[in-house]
Amino acid sequence: MGVFAMDDYGFWALISFLLAGLVFVAYLFVLVAVLGDLFSDHSLNGWWKAAWMLFLVLVPFVAGLVYVIARGHGMAERRAASRRATAPPRAEYSPHVNAPPSPSDQIARAKSMVDAGTLTPEEYEELKARTLGEG
């Protein structure tokens, strides 16, 4: 027989095993979130952090639930502040930053090049016609 044969355990034993595993993994996610928030909260002194840790070890499910209920709002605020602090400026994501210049901007730039002597007036008229789609 194999390591896990259906004859030995049955369908409902498998379902209960999978459900227990799911609950355990969910608890681990809550535990990591609580510990991360606990150590990132600078307003909480060391004794309170130690008390929460002890509570998490002695009665883990209840402690996780109580922490999320009692300090959940602060968790969300600290997480949002952390994301704001590490997020790049919005100008990098603006579609206007990487947008091609408008025809009027191109013509104005060409005109300034004519004024500076970089382009001849004939080249300027050619660029202007091309930009406006006339040639």
Protein backbone atom coordinates (compact mmCIF):
# COMPACT_ATOMS: atom_id res chain seq x y z
CA MET A 1 0.00 0.00 0.00
CA GLY A 2 1.01 3.55 -0.58
CA VAL A 3 1.74 6.14 2.01
CA PHE A 4 -1.74 7.62 1.76
CA ALA A 5 -4.24 5.07 0.52
CA MET A 6 -7.91 6.03 0.32
CA ASP A 7 -8.90 2.66 1.79
CA ASP A 8 -7.15 3.41 5.08
CA TYR A 9 -8.51 6.92 5.72
CA GLY A 10 -11.56 7.70 3.67
CA PHE A 11 -12.79 10.72 1.82
CA TRP A 12 -13.89 12.80 4.83
CA ALA A 13 -10.58 12.28 6.60
CA LEU A 14 -8.85 13.72 3.54
CA ILE A 15 -11.22 16.69 3.47
CA SER A 16 -10.71 17.37 7.18
CA PHE A 17 -6.93 17.11 6.74
CA LEU A 18 -7.01 19.63 3.88
CA LEU A 19 -9.28 21.96 5.86
CA ALA A 20 -6.98 21.80 8.88
CA GLY A 21 -4.01 22.56 6.62
CA LEU A 22 -5.85 25.53 5.16
CA VAL A 23 -6.66 26.90 8.61
CA PHE A 24 -3.04 26.44 9.69
CA VAL A 25 -1.67 28.27 6.63
CA ALA A 26 -4.20 31.08 7.14
CA TYR A 27 -3.08 31.37 10.76
CA LEU A 28 0.56 31.57 9.65
CA PHE A 29 -0.33 34.48 7.35
CA VAL A 30 -2.08 36.27 10.23
CA LEU A 31 0.84 35.55 12.56
CA VAL A 32 3.37 37.00 10.11
CA ALA A 33 1.19 40.08 9.56
CA VAL A 34 0.75 40.60 13.31
CA LEU A 35 4.46 40.17 14.06
CA GLY A 36 5.42 42.46 11.19
CA ASP A 37 3.02 45.12 12.41
CA LEU A 38 4.06 44.63 16.01
CA PHE A 39 7.72 45.34 15.27
CA SER A 40 7.02 48.17 12.83
CA ASP A 41 4.89 50.08 15.36
CA HIS A 42 7.24 52.58 16.98
CA SER A 43 4.58 53.95 19.31
CA LEU A 44 4.33 50.66 21.22
CA ASN A 45 6.99 50.15 23.88
CA GLY A 46 8.99 46.95 24.36
CA TRP A 47 6.92 45.61 27.26
CA TRP A 48 3.71 45.75 25.25
CA LYS A 49 5.44 44.04 22.35
CA ALA A 50 6.67 41.32 24.70
CA ALA A 51 3.16 40.92 26.17
CA TRP A 52 1.64 40.53 22.69
CA MET A 53 4.34 37.97 21.79
CA LEU A 54 3.63 36.00 24.96
CA PHE A 55 -0.11 36.15 24.24
CA LEU A 56 0.57 34.93 20.69
CA VAL A 57 2.54 31.95 22.02
CA LEU A 58 0.09 30.96 24.79
CA VAL A 59 -3.23 31.34 22.94
CA PRO A 60 -2.31 31.86 19.30
CA PHE A 61 -5.71 31.89 17.57
CA VAL A 62 -7.36 34.12 20.16
CA ALA A 63 -4.36 36.45 20.29
CA GLY A 64 -4.27 36.84 16.51
CA LEU A 65 -7.99 37.55 16.41
CA VAL A 66 -7.84 40.04 19.30
CA TYR A 67 -4.84 41.83 17.77
CA VAL A 68 -6.54 42.24 14.41
CA ILE A 69 -9.74 43.48 16.05
CA ALA A 70 -8.06 45.81 18.56
CA ARG A 71 -5.26 47.18 16.39
CA GLY A 72 -6.49 46.50 12.84
CA HIS A 73 -7.14 50.14 12.00
CA GLY A 74 -3.63 51.09 13.06
CA MET A 75 -2.24 48.17 11.05
CA ALA A 76 -3.88 49.54 7.92
CA GLU A 77 -2.64 53.08 8.58
CA ARG A 78 0.95 51.93 9.20
CA ARG A 79 0.91 49.77 6.08
CA ALA A 80 -0.44 52.64 3.94
CA ALA A 81 2.16 55.06 5.35
CA SER A 82 4.91 52.55 4.61
CA ARG A 83 3.73 52.14 1.02
CA ARG A 84 3.50 55.91 0.54
CA ALA A 85 7.03 56.34 1.88
CA THR A 86 8.53 53.74 -0.46
CA ALA A 87 6.42 54.43 -3.57
CA PRO A 88 8.06 56.26 -6.46
CA PRO A 89 6.71 59.70 -7.34
CA ARG A 90 3.57 59.72 -9.45
CA ALA A 91 5.19 61.81 -12.20
CA GLU A 92 6.98 58.68 -13.43
CA TYR A 93 3.62 57.02 -14.09
CA SER A 94 1.93 60.01 -15.67
CA PRO A 95 1.03 59.41 -19.32
CA HIS A 96 1.95 63.03 -20.07
CA VAL A 97 5.58 62.52 -19.11
CA ASN A 98 6.29 59.99 -21.85
CA ALA A 99 3.79 61.36 -24.38
CA PRO A 100 5.16 62.54 -27.71
CA PRO A 101 5.25 66.31 -28.16
CA SER A 102 2.25 67.92 -29.78
CA PRO A 103 2.54 69.44 -33.29
CA SER A 104 2.47 72.96 -31.83
CA ASP A 105 5.34 72.04 -29.49
CA GLN A 106 7.34 70.64 -32.42
CA ILE A 107 6.73 73.78 -34.49
CA ALA A 108 7.67 76.07 -31.57
CA ARG A 109 10.88 74.09 -31.02
CA ALA A 110 11.71 74.32 -34.73
CA LYS A 111 11.03 78.10 -34.66
CA SER A 112 13.44 78.52 -31.75
CA MET A 113 16.04 76.57 -33.73
CA VAL A 114 15.55 78.98 -36.66
CA ASP A 115 15.97 81.92 -34.28
CA ALA A 116 19.16 80.36 -32.92
CA GLY A 117 20.50 79.82 -36.43
CA THR A 118 20.47 76.02 -36.25
CA LEU A 119 17.85 75.65 -38.99
CA THR A 120 17.38 77.62 -42.16
CA PRO A 121 13.96 79.13 -42.89
CA GLU A 122 13.51 76.62 -45.74
CA GLU A 123 14.16 73.69 -43.39
CA TYR A 124 11.75 75.24 -40.90
CA GLU A 125 8.98 75.44 -43.52
CA GLU A 126 9.65 71.83 -44.54
CA LEU A 127 9.48 70.63 -40.91
CA LYS A 128 6.34 72.69 -40.34
CA ALA A 129 4.63 71.19 -43.41
CA ARG A 130 5.66 67.67 -42.40
CA THR A 131 4.44 68.18 -38.82
CA LEU A 132 1.08 69.49 -39.96
CA GLY A 133 0.76 66.63 -42.47
CA GLU A 134 0.80 68.85 -45.53
CA GLY A 135 3.69 67.20 -47.28
